[in-house]
Protein backbone atom coordinates (compact mmCIF):
# COMPACT_ATOMS: atom_id res chain seq x y z
CA MET A 1 19.93 18.97 -27.98
CA LYS A 2 19.31 19.27 -23.99
CA ASN A 3 15.90 17.96 -24.36
CA ASN A 4 17.01 15.00 -26.10
CA ARG A 5 19.54 14.10 -23.43
CA GLU A 6 16.79 14.65 -21.00
CA ASN A 7 14.41 12.71 -22.43
CA LYS A 8 16.74 9.59 -22.93
CA ASP A 9 17.48 9.58 -19.12
CA LYS A 10 13.52 9.10 -18.39
CA LEU A 11 11.84 6.14 -17.89
CA SER A 12 10.02 4.46 -20.78
CA LEU A 13 6.50 3.15 -20.47
CA ILE A 14 8.35 -0.39 -20.02
CA GLY A 15 10.47 0.86 -17.52
CA SER A 16 8.09 2.46 -15.75
CA ILE A 17 5.41 -0.97 -15.84
CA SER A 18 8.67 -2.69 -14.35
CA LEU A 19 9.50 -0.34 -11.43
CA GLY A 20 5.64 -0.17 -10.48
CA THR A 21 5.01 -3.71 -10.79
CA GLY A 22 8.12 -4.60 -8.75
CA VAL A 23 6.77 -2.06 -5.99
CA MET A 24 3.03 -3.61 -6.63
CA ILE A 25 4.10 -7.37 -6.03
CA GLY A 26 5.58 -6.66 -2.74
CA ALA A 27 6.03 -8.31 0.44
CA GLY A 28 2.76 -8.07 1.63
CA ILE A 29 0.96 -10.99 -0.82
CA PHE A 30 3.34 -13.15 1.70
CA VAL A 31 0.96 -12.27 4.65
CA LEU A 32 -2.27 -11.07 3.29
CA MET A 33 -3.25 -14.55 1.63
CA GLY A 34 -3.71 -15.93 4.97
CA GLN A 35 -5.84 -13.54 6.03
CA ILE A 36 -7.86 -12.96 3.70
CA ALA A 37 -8.46 -16.94 3.73
CA GLU A 38 -8.95 -16.43 7.49
CA LEU A 39 -12.20 -14.22 6.34
CA VAL A 40 -13.83 -16.31 3.09
CA GLY A 41 -12.12 -19.82 3.45
CA ASP A 42 -11.54 -21.46 -0.03
CA LEU A 43 -13.01 -18.42 -1.87
CA PHE A 44 -9.65 -16.41 -1.05
CA PRO A 45 -8.49 -16.55 -4.67
CA ILE A 46 -11.86 -15.43 -6.01
CA ALA A 47 -11.05 -12.23 -3.24
CA PHE A 48 -8.21 -11.14 -5.55
CA ILE A 49 -10.29 -11.09 -8.36
CA ALA A 50 -12.99 -9.10 -6.68
CA GLY A 51 -10.06 -6.74 -5.33
CA ALA A 52 -8.54 -6.40 -8.88
CA ILE A 53 -12.35 -5.05 -9.87
CA VAL A 54 -12.33 -2.56 -7.22
CA VAL A 55 -8.68 -1.29 -7.61
CA GLY A 56 -10.01 -1.13 -11.62
CA PHE A 57 -12.60 1.16 -11.02
CA SER A 58 -10.45 3.60 -8.14
CA SER A 59 -7.49 3.67 -10.76
CA TYR A 60 -9.49 5.44 -13.15
CA SER A 61 -9.45 8.35 -10.82
CA TYR A 62 -5.64 8.08 -10.43
CA VAL A 63 -5.28 7.75 -14.59
CA LYS A 64 -7.07 10.61 -15.01
CA PHE A 65 -4.99 12.62 -12.45
CA SER A 66 -1.85 11.24 -13.88
CA ASN A 67 -2.48 12.24 -17.35
CA ALA A 68 -3.94 15.46 -16.56
CA PHE A 69 -1.17 16.63 -13.85
CA PRO A 70 2.09 14.57 -14.28
CA SER A 71 4.06 15.20 -11.53
CA SER A 72 6.29 13.75 -8.67
CA GLY A 73 4.08 15.09 -6.01
CA GLY A 74 1.64 12.11 -7.17
CA VAL A 75 -1.26 11.94 -4.56
CA VAL A 76 -0.60 14.58 -2.51
CA LYS A 77 -0.42 17.19 -5.68
CA PHE A 78 -3.73 15.67 -6.78
CA LEU A 79 -5.38 16.51 -3.63
CA SER A 80 -3.81 19.52 -3.40
CA LYS A 81 -5.40 20.19 -6.99
CA SER A 82 -8.97 18.83 -5.82
CA TYR A 83 -9.56 20.63 -2.46
CA GLY A 84 -6.74 23.22 -2.28
CA PRO A 85 -4.24 23.89 0.38
CA GLY A 86 -5.39 23.31 3.75
CA THR A 87 -6.97 21.29 6.76
CA THR A 88 -8.53 18.94 4.27
CA THR A 89 -5.93 18.31 1.77
CA GLY A 90 -3.32 17.85 4.73
CA VAL A 91 -5.55 15.42 6.37
CA PHE A 92 -6.00 13.07 3.65
CA SER A 93 -2.54 13.59 2.79
CA LEU A 94 -1.36 12.56 6.02
CA LEU A 95 -3.85 9.49 5.84
CA MET A 96 -2.14 8.18 2.69
CA TYR A 97 1.32 9.18 4.52
CA VAL A 98 0.63 7.16 7.83
CA SER A 99 -1.10 4.27 5.39
CA MET A 100 2.65 4.19 4.20
CA VAL A 101 4.03 4.01 7.41
CA VAL A 102 1.71 1.52 8.33
CA SER A 103 2.41 -0.85 5.19
CA GLU A 104 6.18 -0.70 6.13
CA SER A 105 5.05 -2.30 9.76
CA LEU A 106 3.64 -4.84 7.84
CA VAL A 107 6.20 -5.80 5.64
CA ALA A 108 8.79 -5.76 8.51
CA GLY A 109 6.42 -8.04 10.54
CA THR A 110 6.32 -10.18 7.39
CA PHE A 111 10.31 -10.41 7.39
CA GLY A 112 10.22 -11.68 10.84
CA ALA A 113 7.47 -13.84 10.60
CA TYR A 114 9.42 -15.78 7.54
CA THR A 115 12.84 -15.47 8.86
CA LEU A 116 11.79 -16.95 12.13
CA ARG A 117 11.06 -20.35 9.81
CA LEU A 118 14.20 -20.76 10.03
CA PHE A 119 15.00 -21.44 13.58
CA PRO A 120 13.28 -23.32 15.98
CA GLU A 121 9.75 -22.83 17.08
CA SER A 122 11.03 -21.69 21.01
CA TYR A 123 12.09 -18.39 18.66
CA ALA A 124 8.48 -17.85 17.55
CA GLY A 125 7.85 -15.12 19.61
CA TYR A 126 10.67 -12.57 18.34
CA ALA A 127 9.14 -11.98 14.92
CA SER A 128 8.17 -7.92 15.63
CA THR A 129 11.83 -7.91 17.24
CA LEU A 130 13.21 -8.91 13.99
CA GLY A 131 10.81 -6.29 12.16
CA VAL A 132 12.00 -3.77 14.38
CA GLY A 133 15.91 -4.65 13.35
CA LEU A 134 15.11 -4.64 9.82
CA ILE A 135 13.51 -1.18 9.85
CA VAL A 136 17.00 0.02 11.79
CA VAL A 137 18.52 -1.30 8.71
CA ALA A 138 16.40 0.35 6.13
CA TYR A 139 17.48 3.48 8.02
CA ILE A 140 20.93 3.00 7.62
CA VAL A 141 20.73 2.10 3.87
CA ASN A 142 18.39 5.13 3.40
CA ILE A 143 21.23 7.83 5.45
CA LEU A 144 23.60 5.98 2.87
CA GLY A 145 21.84 7.89 -0.17
CA ASN A 146 20.06 7.40 -3.24
CA LYS A 147 22.54 5.71 -5.12
CA VAL A 148 22.86 2.70 -2.80
CA ILE A 149 18.53 2.40 -2.56
CA GLY A 150 18.40 2.61 -6.33
CA VAL A 151 20.54 -0.24 -7.04
CA THR A 152 19.12 -2.16 -3.85
CA ALA A 153 15.53 -1.35 -5.40
CA THR A 154 16.55 -2.35 -8.93
CA PHE A 155 18.19 -5.89 -8.00
CA THR A 156 15.66 -7.18 -5.47
CA ALA A 157 12.70 -6.27 -7.56
CA ILE A 158 13.83 -8.29 -10.34
CA ILE A 159 14.38 -11.46 -8.10
CA LYS A 160 11.68 -10.59 -5.87
CA VAL A 161 9.15 -10.52 -9.44
CA VAL A 162 10.70 -13.32 -11.06
CA GLY A 163 10.57 -15.69 -7.77
CA ILE A 164 6.77 -14.78 -7.43
CA ALA A 165 5.94 -15.81 -10.68
CA ILE A 166 7.75 -18.65 -10.22
CA LEU A 167 6.00 -19.79 -7.25
CA ALA A 168 2.89 -19.15 -8.70
CA ILE A 169 2.99 -20.97 -12.20
CA ALA A 170 5.07 -24.02 -11.19
CA GLY A 171 2.87 -24.68 -8.09
CA LEU A 172 -0.16 -24.09 -10.47
CA ALA A 173 1.09 -26.65 -12.81
CA ILE A 174 1.90 -29.23 -10.05
CA SER A 175 -0.95 -28.96 -7.61
CA GLY A 176 -3.81 -28.37 -10.49
CA PHE A 177 -6.54 -25.92 -9.45
CA ALA A 178 -8.37 -26.08 -6.35
CA ASP A 179 -11.98 -26.49 -5.21
CA ILE A 180 -12.74 -23.22 -5.15
CA THR A 181 -16.36 -23.67 -3.77
CA GLY A 182 -17.05 -21.55 -0.75
CA ASN A 183 -17.54 -24.65 1.87
CA TYR A 184 -15.72 -23.41 4.81
CA ILE A 185 -17.26 -20.81 7.15
CA PRO A 186 -15.03 -18.80 8.99
CA GLU A 187 -14.82 -18.42 12.86
CA ASN A 188 -17.25 -15.39 14.33
CA THR A 189 -18.97 -14.94 11.07
CA GLU A 190 -22.02 -17.38 11.18
CA THR A 191 -24.42 -14.63 11.79
CA LEU A 192 -23.62 -12.54 9.14
CA PRO A 193 -25.54 -12.47 6.12
CA GLN A 194 -24.50 -14.59 3.10
CA GLY A 195 -21.03 -12.85 1.43
CA PHE A 196 -20.91 -10.29 4.14
CA ALA A 197 -17.22 -11.44 5.11
CA PHE A 198 -16.23 -11.83 1.52
CA VAL A 199 -16.94 -8.43 0.89
CA ALA A 200 -15.29 -7.28 4.31
CA ALA A 201 -12.19 -9.49 2.92
CA LEU A 202 -11.85 -6.83 -0.17
CA ALA A 203 -10.24 -4.22 1.87
CA LEU A 204 -7.22 -6.61 2.56
CA SER A 205 -7.14 -8.25 -1.38
CA ILE A 206 -7.29 -4.09 -2.06
CA LEU A 207 -3.91 -3.60 0.02
CA ALA A 208 -2.73 -6.15 -2.50
CA TYR A 209 -2.78 -3.67 -5.25
CA LYS A 210 -2.26 -0.42 -3.64
CA GLY A 211 1.29 -0.06 -4.64
CA PHE A 212 -0.25 1.43 -7.86
CA THR A 213 -0.55 4.64 -6.31
CA THR A 214 3.34 4.97 -6.18
CA ILE A 215 3.64 5.09 -10.07
CA THR A 216 1.81 8.36 -10.09
CA ASN A 217 4.88 9.67 -8.58
CA GLN A 218 6.89 9.07 -11.75
CA GLY A 219 5.53 12.27 -13.25
CA GLY A 220 8.68 13.82 -13.55
CA ASP A 221 10.57 10.86 -14.55
CA ILE A 222 8.64 9.07 -17.34
CA LYS A 223 8.79 9.87 -21.06
CA ASN A 224 4.99 11.02 -22.27
CA PRO A 225 3.71 11.33 -19.06
CA HIS A 226 0.42 12.67 -20.19
CA LYS A 227 -0.29 9.14 -21.81
CA ASN A 228 2.44 6.70 -20.28
CA LEU A 229 1.51 7.26 -16.51
CA GLY A 230 -2.14 6.41 -17.31
CA ARG A 231 -1.28 2.94 -19.05
CA SER A 232 1.52 2.30 -16.86
CA ILE A 233 -1.02 1.86 -14.03
CA ILE A 234 -3.32 -0.40 -15.96
CA ILE A 235 -1.11 -2.62 -17.40
CA SER A 236 0.79 -3.04 -13.85
CA ILE A 237 -2.51 -3.51 -12.46
CA LEU A 238 -3.63 -6.33 -15.29
CA ILE A 239 0.46 -8.25 -14.85
CA CYS A 240 -0.20 -8.41 -10.48
CA THR A 241 -3.92 -9.26 -10.88
CA LEU A 242 -2.40 -12.68 -13.03
CA ILE A 243 0.36 -13.37 -10.39
CA TYR A 244 -1.81 -13.16 -7.26
CA VAL A 245 -4.49 -15.11 -8.87
CA ALA A 246 -2.28 -18.19 -9.62
CA LEU A 247 -0.79 -18.07 -6.80
CA ALA A 248 -3.73 -17.83 -4.50
CA LEU A 249 -4.66 -20.93 -6.68
CA ALA A 250 -1.58 -22.56 -6.08
CA VAL A 251 -1.70 -22.58 -1.95
CA ALA A 252 -5.35 -23.65 -2.21
CA GLY A 253 -4.22 -26.53 -4.38
CA GLY A 254 -1.24 -27.06 -1.90
CA LEU A 255 -3.04 -26.61 1.19
CA SER A 256 -6.74 -27.09 3.31
CA ILE A 257 -8.14 -24.01 4.71
CA PRO A 258 -7.67 -24.59 8.18
CA GLU A 259 -3.66 -25.34 7.13
CA VAL A 260 -3.52 -21.97 5.02
CA ILE A 261 -5.24 -20.03 8.11
CA ALA A 262 -3.02 -21.84 10.87
CA ALA A 263 0.21 -20.51 8.94
CA LYS A 264 -1.53 -16.86 8.18
CA ASP A 265 1.79 -15.05 8.80
CA TYR A 266 3.84 -17.56 6.33
CA ALA A 267 0.93 -19.12 4.48
CA LEU A 268 3.34 -18.99 0.86
CA ALA A 269 6.18 -21.09 3.14
CA ALA A 270 3.91 -23.71 4.14
CA ALA A 271 1.93 -24.36 1.14
CA ALA A 272 4.94 -24.59 -0.63
CA ARG A 273 6.28 -27.66 1.35
CA PRO A 274 3.78 -30.08 0.13
CA VAL A 275 4.35 -28.79 -3.28
CA PHE A 276 7.72 -28.50 -3.91
CA GLY A 277 9.71 -30.19 -0.97
CA GLU A 278 11.64 -28.93 1.60
CA TRP A 279 13.56 -26.76 -0.73
CA GLY A 280 10.77 -25.23 -1.99
CA SER A 281 10.14 -24.13 1.50
CA TRP A 282 13.45 -22.45 1.65
CA PHE A 283 13.09 -21.40 -1.49
CA THR A 284 10.32 -19.17 -0.88
CA ILE A 285 11.47 -17.95 2.81
CA GLY A 286 14.33 -16.54 0.69
CA ILE A 287 12.25 -14.79 -1.71
CA ALA A 288 9.86 -13.45 0.98
CA ILE A 289 13.42 -12.09 2.86
CA ILE A 290 14.50 -10.55 -0.33
CA ALA A 291 11.41 -9.17 -0.86
CA THR A 292 10.69 -7.79 2.56
CA VAL A 293 13.86 -6.19 3.09
CA SER A 294 13.71 -4.38 -0.37
CA GLY A 295 10.18 -3.58 0.53
CA VAL A 296 10.93 -1.74 3.96
CA ILE A 297 13.89 0.18 2.40
CA ALA A 298 11.73 1.30 -0.52
CA SER A 299 9.09 2.25 1.80
CA VAL A 300 11.09 4.02 4.48
CA PHE A 301 12.51 6.01 1.38
CA SER A 302 8.94 7.03 -0.42
CA SER A 303 7.36 7.63 2.98
CA SER A 304 9.65 9.81 4.61
CA ARG A 305 10.05 11.61 0.91
CA LEU A 306 6.55 12.17 1.42
CA LEU A 307 6.37 13.69 4.84
CA ALA A 308 8.98 16.10 3.91
CA MET A 309 7.06 16.82 0.72
CA LEU A 310 3.98 18.05 3.01
CA SER A 311 6.44 19.96 5.09
CA ASN A 312 7.68 22.27 2.66
CA MET A 313 4.21 22.70 1.23
CA LYS A 314 3.56 24.15 4.72
CA GLN A 315 0.51 21.33 4.91
CA VAL A 316 2.23 19.99 7.96
CA PRO A 317 4.54 21.59 10.46
CA SER A 318 8.27 22.50 9.75
CA LEU A 319 10.38 19.49 9.82
CA LYS A 320 13.70 21.92 10.24
CA GLY A 321 13.28 22.38 13.68
CA MET A 322 13.70 19.32 15.06
CA GLY A 323 17.36 19.81 16.32
CA ASN A 324 20.25 19.08 14.42
CA PHE A 325 19.36 16.24 13.08
CA LYS A 326 20.15 15.52 9.29
CA ASN A 327 16.79 14.25 7.99
CA PRO A 328 14.28 14.61 10.58
CA ALA A 329 11.37 13.20 7.84
CA LEU A 330 13.13 10.10 8.00
CA ILE A 331 13.72 9.79 11.62
CA PHE A 332 10.12 10.56 12.65
CA THR A 333 8.89 7.96 9.71
CA VAL A 334 11.22 4.93 11.17
CA SER A 335 10.06 5.91 14.44
CA LEU A 336 6.54 5.77 14.11
CA ALA A 337 6.99 2.38 11.88
CA ILE A 338 8.67 1.13 14.77
CA LEU A 339 6.31 1.91 17.33
CA LEU A 340 3.52 0.21 14.91
CA THR A 341 5.41 -3.10 14.74
CA ALA A 342 6.42 -3.32 18.19
CA LEU A 343 2.43 -2.53 19.60
CA PHE A 344 0.44 -4.79 16.84
CA ASN A 345 0.16 -7.96 14.93
CA LEU A 346 0.21 -8.54 11.48
CA THR A 347 -3.78 -8.43 11.32
CA ARG A 348 -4.34 -5.85 12.84
CA ILE A 349 -1.48 -3.54 11.22
CA ALA A 350 -3.18 -4.30 7.96
CA SER A 351 -6.23 -3.82 9.13
CA ILE A 352 -5.62 0.18 9.94
CA GLY A 353 -3.66 0.56 6.94
CA ALA A 354 -6.54 -0.94 4.89
CA ILE A 355 -9.10 1.45 6.59
CA PHE A 356 -7.11 4.39 6.16
CA TYR A 357 -6.16 3.99 2.68
CA LEU A 358 -9.87 3.67 1.59
CA ILE A 359 -10.68 6.80 3.47
CA MET A 360 -8.05 8.76 1.44
CA ASP A 361 -9.10 6.78 -1.42
CA ILE A 362 -12.74 7.93 -1.33
CA ALA A 363 -11.33 11.60 -1.07
CA ILE A 364 -9.31 11.33 -4.34
CA HIS A 365 -12.40 10.22 -6.12
CA TRP A 366 -14.97 12.88 -4.20
CA GLY A 367 -12.11 15.39 -5.53
CA LEU A 368 -12.08 14.52 -8.93
CA PHE A 369 -16.24 14.44 -9.33
CA ARG A 370 -16.73 17.62 -7.30
CA HIS A 371 -14.08 19.77 -8.15
CA LEU A 372 -12.45 19.50 -11.30
CA ARG A 373 -15.01 18.81 -13.95
CA LYS A 374 -13.74 21.95 -15.69
CA GLU A 375 -10.09 21.23 -15.47
CA VAL A 376 -9.99 17.37 -16.33
CA GLU A 377 -11.88 15.22 -18.98
CA PHE A 378 -13.84 12.33 -17.48
CA GLN A 379 -16.60 10.04 -17.08
CA PRO A 380 -18.53 10.96 -13.90
CA ILE A 381 -20.04 7.79 -13.29
CA ILE A 382 -16.78 6.00 -12.82
CA PRO A 383 -15.41 8.01 -9.81
CA LEU A 384 -18.99 7.58 -7.96
CA ILE A 385 -19.03 3.74 -8.48
CA ALA A 386 -15.80 3.61 -7.46
CA ILE A 387 -16.83 5.66 -4.17
CA ILE A 388 -19.70 3.50 -3.92
CA LEU A 389 -17.69 0.16 -3.78
CA ASP A 390 -15.05 1.78 -1.37
CA ILE A 391 -17.65 2.65 1.12
CA GLY A 392 -19.40 -0.75 0.92
CA VAL A 393 -15.98 -2.68 1.59
CA LEU A 394 -15.10 -0.41 3.99
CA THR A 395 -18.54 -0.62 5.72
CA ALA A 396 -18.36 -4.36 5.71
CA PHE A 397 -14.83 -4.27 6.87
CA ILE A 398 -15.45 -1.67 9.90
CA TYR A 399 -18.54 -4.45 10.92
CA ILE A 400 -15.98 -7.73 10.66
CA LYS A 401 -13.55 -5.89 13.16
CA TYR A 402 -16.71 -4.61 15.34
CA LEU A 403 -17.53 -8.46 16.05
CA ASN A 404 -14.02 -9.75 15.98
CA ASP A 405 -11.60 -6.94 17.10
CA PRO A 406 -13.05 -3.67 17.90
CA LEU A 407 -9.39 -2.53 18.67
CA VAL A 408 -8.19 -1.86 15.14
CA LEU A 409 -11.45 0.34 14.96
CA ILE A 410 -10.59 2.10 18.51
CA VAL A 411 -6.70 2.74 17.12
CA ALA A 412 -7.76 4.18 13.69
CA ALA A 413 -10.72 6.49 15.12
CA ILE A 414 -8.16 7.55 17.44
CA GLY A 415 -5.61 8.19 15.05
CA ILE A 416 -7.77 9.95 12.42
CA ILE A 417 -9.04 12.44 15.48
CA LEU A 418 -5.42 13.23 16.27
CA ILE A 419 -4.63 13.99 12.62
CA LEU A 420 -7.50 15.82 11.79
CA LEU A 421 -7.24 18.17 15.37
CA ALA A 422 -3.18 18.54 14.69
CA GLU A 423 -3.98 19.69 11.24
CA ARG A 424 -6.71 21.83 11.86
CA LEU A 425 -4.81 23.58 14.70
CA PHE A 426 -2.05 24.00 12.28
CA MET A 427 -3.86 25.65 9.61
CA ILE A 428 -5.71 28.04 11.82
CA SER A 429 -1.88 28.70 13.40
CA HIS A 430 -0.61 30.16 9.52
CA THR A 431 -4.34 31.45 8.21
CA ASP A 432 -4.37 35.33 8.14
CA SER A 433 -7.75 36.92 9.04
CA GLU A 434 -8.75 37.07 5.07
CA GLY A 435 -8.26 32.71 4.94
CA ASN A 436 -5.12 33.34 3.03
CA MET A 437 -2.25 30.89 3.63
CA PRO A 438 0.99 30.96 2.18
CA MET A 439 1.22 27.28 1.29
CA GLY A 440 4.57 27.10 -0.96
CA MET A 441 2.54 25.23 -3.63
CA ASP A 442 3.34 25.29 -7.59
CA ASP A 443 2.99 29.11 -8.00
CA ASN A 444 4.58 30.07 -4.60
CA LYS A 445 1.58 32.30 -3.96
CA PRO A 446 -0.89 32.45 -1.12
CA ALA A 447 -4.41 30.38 -1.53
CA LYS A 448 -7.62 29.86 0.39
CA GLU A 449 -8.29 26.96 1.30
CA LYS A 450 -11.68 25.37 -0.66
CA MET A 451 -14.59 24.11 1.73
C-alpha cells in the first residue's frame, strides 16, 4: 500500500516532460536570439538546429547516467560516480553551479531589458538595476518556502511555454519563411575562415537547451526513473527545438538582421511589433517578464540547493558556520548573482556561462567514457563525438571572444583558476596521509579520490 501511494505522488513521464520543457524554454531565449544573430547574421535560425544536434549527442551521456543512476543529485551524482570524491568532482560541480548562477544573472538582466521597453528611453541604463531587484525578490520568495515556489513555478511555466509557442507559430504563419542565405557578414569576423563564426555561435545556442540537465535531478521524483528520465530528456529537447526554430524563423521574417542586432537585448519584442502591431509587442514583453521572473525564482532555488548539496557532501567547505543565517547557500548564491548582474552586460554574462557549461559538459562525457564502461552499458563512440563537438565549439567561441571581447576570457580564466585552487586547498585540508576523505557520499564511508 505504501509503495502504491508513493508511486501515485511521483511524476509521470508527461509530468516530467512538462517540467523539463518549462525549464528549458526559459527566459534565455528572449536575449540569445539577438546575440546569435550578431555572430552569424541571417543563418541564426539554422544555428538553433545545429545547436540541437550538438545537444543531442551531449544528451546521450546524461540519458545513460540517468538510466543507470537515477538520483536527485543529477550532475553532481554523475561526476562523483565518474571521478570519485575529491578535487575533480568538486571543480566540475562548482563549474556547473557557477554556470547556473550565471544563468540567473542572464535571466535577471533580460528581465531588466524587456521591462524597460515599458518606459521612456531615458531609463535605458537601469536594466541591471531592475535585474538586481528581481534577484532580491527571488530571494524573498525562496525564503517563504517550497510551497510558494512550487505554485509559482507551475503556473508561470504554463503561461511561458504557451506564450512562446503562440509567438512562434503565429509569427511564422503571418511573416512566412525568411530567406536564410547567410549573406550577412558579422562585424569583426571578416578575416575568419568561412563558417568559423557559425561554429562559435553554437556555444550560445547550446545555452538555450542546457536546461535539460535539470531533468536529471528528478531521479527520486519520477515513476520508473531508469527508463522515463532518459525519455523525458530526449522528448523535451525535441519539443524545444521545434519551438526555437519556429521562433527564430518568425523573428527573421519580421526584422532585418541589422534590426535584430540593434535590438539584441529585446529582439523578440522588437520583432513582434511589425508582425502583430503594438499589442503584439506588449504581449511579448508580458511573456518575457513572466518568464524571467519565474526563471530567476526557480534558478535561485535549484542552484542554492546544488551548493547546499555540495556542502553536505563535503565537496566544498561547510556553510553552517556562516554566522547565524538560516540559509547560507541561498544567501551566497543570491550575492554572487547580484554581483554578476551589476558588473557585466548580457552578452558577457551569456559568454561566461557558455564557457563554464561546455567545460563541465566535456567532463561528463569523459567520465562516462573513461571510468564507467564496466558499470554502464553505452556506445563509446557517441560520448567521444560529443567531446569533439564540444571542444570544436568551445575553441571557436574562445577565439571569437579573443578577437572581439577578451575581457570575457580573462574573467572566465580567473574564475576557473580560483575554483581550482580553492577546491584543491580544501581537499588537502581534510585528506589524511593515506588519501582517505570522509566525504558524506551515499555509503557515508571514507573514499579515495580517483586520479
